[in-house]
Amino acid sequence: MTNSTTPSEIHEENGKAGQPLSGREIALATLIVMASFVFSGVLGLVRQIVLASTFGAGRDLDAFYAALRLPETLFVLVAGGALGSAFIPVFSTFLNKDDIQG
């Protein structure tokens, strides 16, 4: 088992147990997620540039993209779909439970 810290425990360590997150904390969390998406997009662009300069336009690059299609699709389905579907209801229940107790 791993020793993980829940968001409410972190909130308690900051002396804010039972209090809702402030607008500044929510904005910071939103900014972190947005920056992560932008960074991911930039890395994807860099990947495309490197692949295009390495293989050029032709059969080699087409073969690479064909081989990459299945693992990339599986990753998007698992990470984006299943993980999001499981995480969002559990996290919202967790937040509602904190609101009721607090």
PDB file of N, CA and C in Angstrom:
ATOM      1  N   MET A   1       0.829  -1.180   0.000  1.00  0.00           N
ATOM      2  CA  MET A   1       0.000   0.000   0.000  1.00  0.00           C
ATOM      3  C   MET A   1       0.875   1.246   0.000  1.00  0.00           C
ATOM      4  N   THR A   2       0.417   2.234  -0.680  1.00  0.00           N
ATOM      5  CA  THR A   2       1.148   3.489  -0.691  1.00  0.00           C
ATOM      6  C   THR A   2       0.569   4.421   0.351  1.00  0.00           C
ATOM      7  N   ASN A   3       1.379   5.321   0.797  1.00  0.00           N
ATOM      8  CA  ASN A   3       0.949   6.300   1.780  1.00  0.00           C
ATOM      9  C   ASN A   3       0.576   7.570   1.030  1.00  0.00           C
ATOM     10  N   SER A   4      -0.711   7.730   0.705  1.00  0.00           N
ATOM     11  CA  SER A   4      -1.143   8.882  -0.073  1.00  0.00           C
ATOM     12  C   SER A   4      -1.847   9.890   0.824  1.00  0.00           C
ATOM     13  N   THR A   5      -1.793  11.125   0.404  1.00  0.00           N
ATOM     14  CA  THR A   5      -2.425  12.214   1.133  1.00  0.00           C
ATOM     15  C   THR A   5      -3.625  12.689   0.338  1.00  0.00           C
ATOM     16  N   THR A   6      -4.772  12.787   0.993  1.00  0.00           N
ATOM     17  CA  THR A   6      -5.982  13.239   0.319  1.00  0.00           C
ATOM     18  C   THR A   6      -6.027  14.763   0.313  1.00  0.00           C
ATOM     19  N   PRO A   7      -6.823  15.353  -0.595  1.00  0.00           N
ATOM     20  CA  PRO A   7      -6.936  16.809  -0.613  1.00  0.00           C
ATOM     21  C   PRO A   7      -7.427  17.385   0.710  1.00  0.00           C
ATOM     22  N   SER A   8      -8.315  16.676   1.399  1.00  0.00           N
ATOM     23  CA  SER A   8      -8.807  17.209   2.672  1.00  0.00           C
ATOM     24  C   SER A   8      -7.715  17.203   3.731  1.00  0.00           C
ATOM     25  N   GLU A   9      -6.821  16.206   3.701  1.00  0.00           N
ATOM     26  CA  GLU A   9      -5.712  16.187   4.648  1.00  0.00           C
ATOM     27  C   GLU A   9      -4.758  17.339   4.390  1.00  0.00           C
ATOM     28  N   ILE A  10      -4.515  17.633   3.122  1.00  0.00           N
ATOM     29  CA  ILE A  10      -3.666  18.775   2.789  1.00  0.00           C
ATOM     30  C   ILE A  10      -4.322  20.057   3.271  1.00  0.00           C
ATOM     31  N   HIS A  11      -5.636  20.155   3.080  1.00  0.00           N
ATOM     32  CA  HIS A  11      -6.377  21.327   3.522  1.00  0.00           C
ATOM     33  C   HIS A  11      -6.299  21.458   5.044  1.00  0.00           C
ATOM     34  N   GLU A  12      -6.356  20.324   5.765  1.00  0.00           N
ATOM     35  CA  GLU A  12      -6.262  20.350   7.220  1.00  0.00           C
ATOM     36  C   GLU A  12      -4.879  20.786   7.670  1.00  0.00           C
ATOM     37  N   GLU A  13      -3.832  20.348   6.958  1.00  0.00           N
ATOM     38  CA  GLU A  13      -2.474  20.739   7.304  1.00  0.00           C
ATOM     39  C   GLU A  13      -2.285  22.245   7.172  1.00  0.00           C
ATOM     40  N   ASN A  14      -3.013  22.865   6.274  1.00  0.00           N
ATOM     41  CA  ASN A  14      -2.914  24.309   6.083  1.00  0.00           C
ATOM     42  C   ASN A  14      -3.772  25.073   7.076  1.00  0.00           C
ATOM     43  N   GLY A  15      -4.402  24.378   8.006  1.00  0.00           N
ATOM     44  CA  GLY A  15      -5.231  25.042   9.009  1.00  0.00           C
ATOM     45  C   GLY A  15      -6.586  25.474   8.487  1.00  0.00           C
ATOM     46  N   LYS A  16      -7.066  24.852   7.425  1.00  0.00           N
ATOM     47  CA  LYS A  16      -8.333  25.263   6.818  1.00  0.00           C
ATOM     48  C   LYS A  16      -9.327  24.114   6.800  1.00  0.00           C
ATOM     49  N   ALA A  17      -9.257  23.230   7.780  1.00  0.00           N
ATOM     50  CA  ALA A  17     -10.146  22.069   7.800  1.00  0.00           C
ATOM     51  C   ALA A  17     -11.598  22.517   7.875  1.00  0.00           C
ATOM     52  N   GLY A  18     -12.445  21.938   7.030  1.00  0.00           N
ATOM     53  CA  GLY A  18     -13.862  22.256   7.035  1.00  0.00           C
ATOM     54  C   GLY A  18     -14.226  23.500   6.255  1.00  0.00           C
ATOM     55  N   GLN A  19     -13.239  24.236   5.765  1.00  0.00           N
ATOM     56  CA  GLN A  19     -13.519  25.449   5.002  1.00  0.00           C
ATOM     57  C   GLN A  19     -13.444  25.127   3.514  1.00  0.00           C
ATOM     58  N   PRO A  20     -14.308  25.754   2.723  1.00  0.00           N
ATOM     59  CA  PRO A  20     -14.244  25.509   1.279  1.00  0.00           C
ATOM     60  C   PRO A  20     -12.978  26.130   0.695  1.00  0.00           C
ATOM     61  N   LEU A  21     -12.596  25.627  -0.463  1.00  0.00           N
ATOM     62  CA  LEU A  21     -11.435  26.184  -1.145  1.00  0.00           C
ATOM     63  C   LEU A  21     -11.718  27.624  -1.540  1.00  0.00           C
ATOM     64  N   SER A  22     -10.705  28.451  -1.434  1.00  0.00           N
ATOM     65  CA  SER A  22     -10.872  29.852  -1.814  1.00  0.00           C
ATOM     66  C   SER A  22     -10.813  29.981  -3.330  1.00  0.00           C
ATOM     67  N   GLY A  23     -11.237  31.124  -3.815  1.00  0.00           N
ATOM     68  CA  GLY A  23     -11.189  31.379  -5.248  1.00  0.00           C
ATOM     69  C   GLY A  23      -9.773  31.335  -5.779  1.00  0.00           C
ATOM     70  N   ARG A  24      -8.832  31.787  -4.975  1.00  0.00           N
ATOM     71  CA  ARG A  24      -7.425  31.781  -5.389  1.00  0.00           C
ATOM     72  C   ARG A  24      -6.913  30.341  -5.547  1.00  0.00           C
ATOM     73  N   GLU A  25      -7.294  29.448  -4.622  1.00  0.00           N
ATOM     74  CA  GLU A  25      -6.863  28.051  -4.701  1.00  0.00           C
ATOM     75  C   GLU A  25      -7.476  27.354  -5.914  1.00  0.00           C
ATOM     76  N   ILE A  26      -8.732  27.634  -6.183  1.00  0.00           N
ATOM     77  CA  ILE A  26      -9.396  27.049  -7.352  1.00  0.00           C
ATOM     78  C   ILE A  26      -8.767  27.582  -8.634  1.00  0.00           C
ATOM     79  N   ALA A  27      -8.473  28.876  -8.666  1.00  0.00           N
ATOM     80  CA  ALA A  27      -7.843  29.471  -9.843  1.00  0.00           C
ATOM     81  C   ALA A  27      -6.457  28.878 -10.075  1.00  0.00           C
ATOM     82  N   LEU A  28      -5.706  28.651  -9.005  1.00  0.00           N
ATOM     83  CA  LEU A  28      -4.376  28.057  -9.137  1.00  0.00           C
ATOM     84  C   LEU A  28      -4.466  26.631  -9.683  1.00  0.00           C
ATOM     85  N   ALA A  29      -5.408  25.849  -9.170  1.00  0.00           N
ATOM     86  CA  ALA A  29      -5.589  24.482  -9.665  1.00  0.00           C
ATOM     87  C   ALA A  29      -5.990  24.497 -11.139  1.00  0.00           C
ATOM     88  N   THR A  30      -6.871  25.412 -11.513  1.00  0.00           N
ATOM     89  CA  THR A  30      -7.289  25.534 -12.907  1.00  0.00           C
ATOM     90  C   THR A  30      -6.117  25.930 -13.790  1.00  0.00           C
ATOM     91  N   LEU A  31      -5.304  26.852 -13.317  1.00  0.00           N
ATOM     92  CA  LEU A  31      -4.135  27.293 -14.072  1.00  0.00           C
ATOM     93  C   LEU A  31      -3.146  26.149 -14.282  1.00  0.00           C
ATOM     94  N   ILE A  32      -2.956  25.323 -13.265  1.00  0.00           N
ATOM     95  CA  ILE A  32      -2.042  24.186 -13.386  1.00  0.00           C
ATOM     96  C   ILE A  32      -2.543  23.206 -14.440  1.00  0.00           C
ATOM     97  N   VAL A  33      -3.841  22.919 -14.430  1.00  0.00           N
ATOM     98  CA  VAL A  33      -4.402  21.991 -15.419  1.00  0.00           C
ATOM     99  C   VAL A  33      -4.301  22.586 -16.823  1.00  0.00           C
ATOM    100  N   MET A  34      -4.616  23.867 -16.970  1.00  0.00           N
ATOM    101  CA  MET A  34      -4.533  24.516 -18.279  1.00  0.00           C
ATOM    102  C   MET A  34      -3.100  24.515 -18.797  1.00  0.00           C
ATOM    103  N   ALA A  35      -2.148  24.829 -17.927  1.00  0.00           N
ATOM    104  CA  ALA A  35      -0.741  24.840 -18.330  1.00  0.00           C
ATOM    105  C   ALA A  35      -0.286  23.447 -18.747  1.00  0.00           C
ATOM    106  N   SER A  36      -0.787  22.435 -18.068  1.00  0.00           N
ATOM    107  CA  SER A  36      -0.435  21.057 -18.431  1.00  0.00           C
ATOM    108  C   SER A  36      -0.952  20.713 -19.821  1.00  0.00           C
ATOM    109  N   PHE A  37      -2.177  21.132 -20.138  1.00  0.00           N
ATOM    110  CA  PHE A  37      -2.726  20.878 -21.471  1.00  0.00           C
ATOM    111  C   PHE A  37      -1.936  21.622 -22.545  1.00  0.00           C
ATOM    112  N   VAL A  38      -1.571  22.864 -22.275  1.00  0.00           N
ATOM    113  CA  VAL A  38      -0.793  23.639 -23.246  1.00  0.00           C
ATOM    114  C   VAL A  38       0.576  22.992 -23.449  1.00  0.00           C
ATOM    115  N   PHE A  39       1.219  22.604 -22.351  1.00  0.00           N
ATOM    116  CA  PHE A  39       2.531  21.956 -22.429  1.00  0.00           C
ATOM    117  C   PHE A  39       2.447  20.654 -23.224  1.00  0.00           C
ATOM    118  N   SER A  40       1.391  19.898 -23.019  1.00  0.00           N
ATOM    119  CA  SER A  40       1.193  18.657 -23.763  1.00  0.00           C
ATOM    120  C   SER A  40       1.034  18.940 -25.255  1.00  0.00           C
ATOM    121  N   GLY A  41       0.286  19.983 -25.589  1.00  0.00           N
ATOM    122  CA  GLY A  41       0.115  20.349 -26.991  1.00  0.00           C
ATOM    123  C   GLY A  41       1.415  20.786 -27.640  1.00  0.00           C
ATOM    124  N   VAL A  42       2.221  21.544 -26.898  1.00  0.00           N
ATOM    125  CA  VAL A  42       3.515  21.991 -27.423  1.00  0.00           C
ATOM    126  C   VAL A  42       4.434  20.789 -27.647  1.00  0.00           C
ATOM    127  N   LEU A  43       4.447  19.860 -26.695  1.00  0.00           N
ATOM    128  CA  LEU A  43       5.266  18.656 -26.875  1.00  0.00           C
ATOM    129  C   LEU A  43       4.793  17.838 -28.073  1.00  0.00           C
ATOM    130  N   GLY A  44       3.489  17.780 -28.302  1.00  0.00           N
ATOM    131  CA  GLY A  44       2.971  17.087 -29.477  1.00  0.00           C
ATOM    132  C   GLY A  44       3.419  17.753 -30.765  1.00  0.00           C
ATOM    133  N   LEU A  45       3.438  19.076 -30.770  1.00  0.00           N
ATOM    134  CA  LEU A  45       3.907  19.813 -31.941  1.00  0.00           C
ATOM    135  C   LEU A  45       5.390  19.550 -32.190  1.00  0.00           C
ATOM    136  N   VAL A  46       6.176  19.554 -31.120  1.00  0.00           N
ATOM    137  CA  VAL A  46       7.608  19.260 -31.250  1.00  0.00           C
ATOM    138  C   VAL A  46       7.801  17.846 -31.797  1.00  0.00           C
ATOM    139  N   ARG A  47       7.005  16.894 -31.311  1.00  0.00           N
ATOM    140  CA  ARG A  47       7.091  15.521 -31.815  1.00  0.00           C
ATOM    141  C   ARG A  47       6.814  15.482 -33.313  1.00  0.00           C
ATOM    142  N   GLN A  48       5.783  16.200 -33.758  1.00  0.00           N
ATOM    143  CA  GLN A  48       5.447  16.211 -35.187  1.00  0.00           C
ATOM    144  C   GLN A  48       6.578  16.811 -36.015  1.00  0.00           C
ATOM    145  N   ILE A  49       7.191  17.873 -35.509  1.00  0.00           N
ATOM    146  CA  ILE A  49       8.288  18.524 -36.237  1.00  0.00           C
ATOM    147  C   ILE A  49       9.487  17.591 -36.345  1.00  0.00           C
ATOM    148  N   VAL A  50       9.828  16.930 -35.232  1.00  0.00           N
ATOM    149  CA  VAL A  50      10.971  16.008 -35.243  1.00  0.00           C
ATOM    150  C   VAL A  50      10.709  14.840 -36.188  1.00  0.00           C
ATOM    151  N   LEU A  51       9.508  14.286 -36.148  1.00  0.00           N
ATOM    152  CA  LEU A  51       9.190  13.167 -37.040  1.00  0.00           C
ATOM    153  C   LEU A  51       9.221  13.589 -38.502  1.00  0.00           C
ATOM    154  N   ALA A  52       8.685  14.752 -38.798  1.00  0.00           N
ATOM    155  CA  ALA A  52       8.675  15.220 -40.185  1.00  0.00           C
ATOM    156  C   ALA A  52      10.094  15.480 -40.682  1.00  0.00           C
ATOM    157  N   SER A  53      10.950  16.020 -39.813  1.00  0.00           N
ATOM    158  CA  SER A  53      12.325  16.278 -40.253  1.00  0.00           C
ATOM    159  C   SER A  53      13.138  14.989 -40.351  1.00  0.00           C
ATOM    160  N   THR A  54      12.798  13.989 -39.547  1.00  0.00           N
ATOM    161  CA  THR A  54      13.527  12.722 -39.578  1.00  0.00           C
ATOM    162  C   THR A  54      13.116  11.865 -40.766  1.00  0.00           C
ATOM    163  N   PHE A  55      11.821  11.678 -40.947  1.00  0.00           N
ATOM    164  CA  PHE A  55      11.335  10.774 -41.982  1.00  0.00           C
ATOM    165  C   PHE A  55      11.021  11.480 -43.296  1.00  0.00           C
ATOM    166  N   GLY A  56      10.641  12.749 -43.237  1.00  0.00           N
ATOM    167  CA  GLY A  56      10.178  13.427 -44.435  1.00  0.00           C
ATOM    168  C   GLY A  56       8.795  12.917 -44.804  1.00  0.00           C
ATOM    169  N   ALA A  57       8.213  13.486 -45.837  1.00  0.00           N
ATOM    170  CA  ALA A  57       6.891  13.031 -46.275  1.00  0.00           C
ATOM    171  C   ALA A  57       7.089  11.819 -47.174  1.00  0.00           C
ATOM    172  N   GLY A  58       6.514  10.709 -46.771  1.00  0.00           N
ATOM    173  CA  GLY A  58       6.673   9.505 -47.590  1.00  0.00           C
ATOM    174  C   GLY A  58       6.151   8.282 -46.870  1.00  0.00           C
ATOM    175  N   ARG A  59       6.520   7.122 -47.405  1.00  0.00           N
ATOM    176  CA  ARG A  59       6.023   5.863 -46.869  1.00  0.00           C
ATOM    177  C   ARG A  59       6.516   5.582 -45.455  1.00  0.00           C
ATOM    178  N   ASP A  60       7.733   5.983 -45.137  1.00  0.00           N
ATOM    179  CA  ASP A  60       8.270   5.719 -43.801  1.00  0.00           C
ATOM    180  C   ASP A  60       7.443   6.410 -42.727  1.00  0.00           C
ATOM    181  N   LEU A  61       7.117   7.665 -42.953  1.00  0.00           N
ATOM    182  CA  LEU A  61       6.312   8.401 -41.985  1.00  0.00           C
ATOM    183  C   LEU A  61       4.895   7.842 -41.923  1.00  0.00           C
ATOM    184  N   ASP A  62       4.335   7.464 -43.066  1.00  0.00           N
ATOM    185  CA  ASP A  62       3.004   6.850 -43.078  1.00  0.00           C
ATOM    186  C   ASP A  62       2.993   5.538 -42.292  1.00  0.00           C
ATOM    187  N   ALA A  63       4.040   4.737 -42.436  1.00  0.00           N
ATOM    188  CA  ALA A  63       4.131   3.480 -41.688  1.00  0.00           C
ATOM    189  C   ALA A  63       4.250   3.748 -40.191  1.00  0.00           C
ATOM    190  N   PHE A  64       5.009   4.766 -39.833  1.00  0.00           N
ATOM    191  CA  PHE A  64       5.148   5.104 -38.416  1.00  0.00           C
ATOM    192  C   PHE A  64       3.800   5.514 -37.832  1.00  0.00           C
ATOM    193  N   TYR A  65       3.077   6.369 -38.542  1.00  0.00           N
ATOM    194  CA  TYR A  65       1.764   6.809 -38.052  1.00  0.00           C
ATOM    195  C   TYR A  65       0.773   5.647 -37.975  1.00  0.00           C
ATOM    196  N   ALA A  66       0.836   4.728 -38.929  1.00  0.00           N
ATOM    197  CA  ALA A  66      -0.054   3.565 -38.892  1.00  0.00           C
ATOM    198  C   ALA A  66       0.256   2.688 -37.681  1.00  0.00           C
ATOM    199  N   ALA A  67       1.533   2.518 -37.368  1.00  0.00           N
ATOM    200  CA  ALA A  67       1.922   1.711 -36.212  1.00  0.00           C
ATOM    201  C   ALA A  67       1.587   2.414 -34.900  1.00  0.00           C
ATOM    202  N   LEU A  68       1.599   3.720 -34.896  1.00  0.00           N
ATOM    203  CA  LEU A  68       1.337   4.491 -33.681  1.00  0.00           C
ATOM    204  C   LEU A  68      -0.156   4.635 -33.395  1.00  0.00           C
ATOM    205  N   ARG A  69      -0.992   4.460 -34.401  1.00  0.00           N
ATOM    206  CA  ARG A  69      -2.429   4.721 -34.270  1.00  0.00           C
ATOM    207  C   ARG A  69      -3.091   3.892 -33.169  1.00  0.00           C
ATOM    208  N   LEU A  70      -2.865   2.595 -33.124  1.00  0.00           N
ATOM    209  CA  LEU A  70      -3.526   1.725 -32.148  1.00  0.00           C
ATOM    210  C   LEU A  70      -3.108   2.039 -30.706  1.00  0.00           C
ATOM    211  N   PRO A  71      -1.817   2.097 -30.377  1.00  0.00           N
ATOM    212  CA  PRO A  71      -1.466   2.407 -28.987  1.00  0.00           C
ATOM    213  C   PRO A  71      -1.930   3.794 -28.553  1.00  0.00           C
ATOM    214  N   GLU A  72      -1.877   4.749 -29.459  1.00  0.00           N
ATOM    215  CA  GLU A  72      -2.314   6.100 -29.109  1.00  0.00           C
ATOM    216  C   GLU A  72      -3.823   6.142 -28.871  1.00  0.00           C
ATOM    217  N   THR A  73      -4.585   5.437 -29.686  1.00  0.00           N
ATOM    218  CA  THR A  73      -6.037   5.377 -29.507  1.00  0.00           C
ATOM    219  C   THR A  73      -6.396   4.698 -28.192  1.00  0.00           C
ATOM    220  N   LEU A  74      -5.723   3.606 -27.873  1.00  0.00           N
ATOM    221  CA  LEU A  74      -5.967   2.922 -26.602  1.00  0.00           C
ATOM    222  C   LEU A  74      -5.651   3.824 -25.417  1.00  0.00           C
ATOM    223  N   PHE A  75      -4.566   4.582 -25.514  1.00  0.00           N
ATOM    224  CA  PHE A  75      -4.214   5.500 -24.436  1.00  0.00           C
ATOM    225  C   PHE A  75      -5.286   6.567 -24.247  1.00  0.00           C
ATOM    226  N   VAL A  76      -5.764   7.138 -25.335  1.00  0.00           N
ATOM    227  CA  VAL A  76      -6.797   8.175 -25.245  1.00  0.00           C
ATOM    228  C   VAL A  76      -8.068   7.612 -24.631  1.00  0.00           C
ATOM    229  N   LEU A  77      -8.447   6.403 -25.027  1.00  0.00           N
ATOM    230  CA  LEU A  77      -9.650   5.792 -24.471  1.00  0.00           C
ATOM    231  C   LEU A  77      -9.507   5.511 -22.984  1.00  0.00           C
ATOM    232  N   VAL A  78      -8.377   4.976 -22.578  1.00  0.00           N
ATOM    233  CA  VAL A  78      -8.180   4.621 -21.175  1.00  0.00           C
ATOM    234  C   VAL A  78      -7.970   5.862 -20.322  1.00  0.00           C
ATOM    235  N   ALA A  79      -7.042   6.708 -20.718  1.00  0.00           N
ATOM    236  CA  ALA A  79      -6.710   7.877 -19.906  1.00  0.00           C
ATOM    237  C   ALA A  79      -7.834   8.903 -19.918  1.00  0.00           C
ATOM    238  N   GLY A  80      -8.354   9.207 -21.086  1.00  0.00           N
ATOM    239  CA  GLY A  80      -9.372  10.237 -21.182  1.00  0.00           C
ATOM    240  C   GLY A  80     -10.760   9.774 -20.814  1.00  0.00           C
ATOM    241  N   GLY A  81     -11.122   8.590 -21.239  1.00  0.00           N
ATOM    242  CA  GLY A  81     -12.479   8.107 -21.031  1.00  0.00           C
ATOM    243  C   GLY A  81     -12.694   7.424 -19.706  1.00  0.00           C
ATOM    244  N   ALA A  82     -12.059   6.289 -19.534  1.00  0.00           N
ATOM    245  CA  ALA A  82     -12.307   5.478 -18.338  1.00  0.00           C
ATOM    246  C   ALA A  82     -11.820   6.167 -17.073  1.00  0.00           C
ATOM    247  N   LEU A  83     -10.645   6.739 -17.119  1.00  0.00           N
ATOM    248  CA  LEU A  83     -10.112   7.404 -15.932  1.00  0.00           C
ATOM    249  C   LEU A  83     -10.981   8.595 -15.553  1.00  0.00           C
ATOM    250  N   GLY A  84     -11.381   9.391 -16.539  1.00  0.00           N
ATOM    251  CA  GLY A  84     -12.252  10.529 -16.261  1.00  0.00           C
ATOM    252  C   GLY A  84     -13.613  10.102 -15.750  1.00  0.00           C
ATOM    253  N   SER A  85     -14.156   9.041 -16.324  1.00  0.00           N
ATOM    254  CA  SER A  85     -15.461   8.547 -15.884  1.00  0.00           C
ATOM    255  C   SER A  85     -15.415   8.012 -14.466  1.00  0.00           C
ATOM    256  N   ALA A  86     -14.303   7.449 -14.073  1.00  0.00           N
ATOM    257  CA  ALA A  86     -14.172   6.921 -12.715  1.00  0.00           C
ATOM    258  C   ALA A  86     -13.796   8.019 -11.726  1.00  0.00           C
ATOM    259  N   PHE A  87     -12.951   8.933 -12.131  1.00  0.00           N
ATOM    260  CA  PHE A  87     -12.420   9.932 -11.208  1.00  0.00           C
ATOM    261  C   PHE A  87     -13.442  10.999 -10.848  1.00  0.00           C
ATOM    262  N   ILE A  88     -14.143  11.529 -11.821  1.00  0.00           N
ATOM    263  CA  ILE A  88     -15.042  12.659 -11.576  1.00  0.00           C
ATOM    264  C   ILE A  88     -16.150  12.322 -10.587  1.00  0.00           C
ATOM    265  N   PRO A  89     -16.890  11.211 -10.723  1.00  0.00           N
ATOM    266  CA  PRO A  89     -17.921  10.910  -9.719  1.00  0.00           C
ATOM    267  C   PRO A  89     -17.346  10.677  -8.320  1.00  0.00           C
ATOM    268  N   VAL A  90     -16.222   9.987  -8.236  1.00  0.00           N
ATOM    269  CA  VAL A  90     -15.622   9.726  -6.922  1.00  0.00           C
ATOM    270  C   VAL A  90     -15.162  11.027  -6.283  1.00  0.00           C
ATOM    271  N   PHE A  91     -14.528  11.890  -7.057  1.00  0.00           N
ATOM    272  CA  PHE A  91     -14.030  13.150  -6.518  1.00  0.00           C
ATOM    273  C   PHE A  91     -15.175  14.072  -6.118  1.00  0.00           C
ATOM    274  N   SER A  92     -16.238  14.140  -6.914  1.00  0.00           N
ATOM    275  CA  SER A  92     -17.367  15.002  -6.553  1.00  0.00           C
ATOM    276  C   SER A  92     -18.082  14.474  -5.313  1.00  0.00           C
ATOM    277  N   THR A  93     -18.177  13.149  -5.169  1.00  0.00           N
ATOM    278  CA  THR A  93     -18.742  12.575  -3.942  1.00  0.00           C
ATOM    279  C   THR A  93     -17.877  12.924  -2.749  1.00  0.00           C
ATOM    280  N   PHE A  94     -16.576  12.850  -2.929  1.00  0.00           N
ATOM    281  CA  PHE A  94     -15.633  13.205  -1.866  1.00  0.00           C
ATOM    282  C   PHE A  94     -15.813  14.667  -1.451  1.00  0.00           C
ATOM    283  N   LEU A  95     -15.947  15.560  -2.427  1.00  0.00           N
ATOM    284  CA  LEU A  95     -16.139  16.980  -2.112  1.00  0.00           C
ATOM    285  C   LEU A  95     -17.471  17.216  -1.417  1.00  0.00           C
ATOM    286  N   ASN A  96     -18.536  16.553  -1.871  1.00  0.00           N
ATOM    287  CA  ASN A  96     -19.844  16.710  -1.237  1.00  0.00           C
ATOM    288  C   ASN A  96     -19.835  16.187   0.186  1.00  0.00           C
ATOM    289  N   LYS A  97     -19.125  15.103   0.428  1.00  0.00           N
ATOM    290  CA  LYS A  97     -19.028  14.541   1.772  1.00  0.00           C
ATOM    291  C   LYS A  97     -18.324  15.536   2.701  1.00  0.00           C
ATOM    292  N   ASP A  98     -17.287  16.194   2.204  1.00  0.00           N
ATOM    293  CA  ASP A  98     -16.595  17.211   2.998  1.00  0.00           C
ATOM    294  C   ASP A  98     -17.511  18.391   3.294  1.00  0.00           C
ATOM    295  N   ASP A  99     -18.349  18.794   2.310  1.00  0.00           N
ATOM    296  CA  ASP A  99     -19.276  19.909   2.519  1.00  0.00           C
ATOM    297  C   ASP A  99     -20.314  19.564   3.582  1.00  0.00           C
ATOM    298  N   ILE A 100     -20.805  18.333   3.568  1.00  0.00           N
ATOM    299  CA  ILE A 100     -21.822  17.919   4.537  1.00  0.00           C
ATOM    300  C   ILE A 100     -21.229  17.847   5.936  1.00  0.00           C
ATOM    301  N   GLN A 101     -20.017  17.312   6.064  1.00  0.00           N
ATOM    302  CA  GLN A 101     -19.377  17.184   7.370  1.00  0.00           C
ATOM    303  C   GLN A 101     -18.904  18.526   7.900  1.00  0.00           C
ATOM    304  N   GLY A 102     -18.479  19.416   7.014  1.00  0.00           N
ATOM    305  CA  GLY A 102     -17.883  20.688   7.416  1.00  0.00           C
ATOM    306  C   GLY A 102     -18.921  21.674   7.731  1.00  0.00           C
TER     307      GLY A 102
END
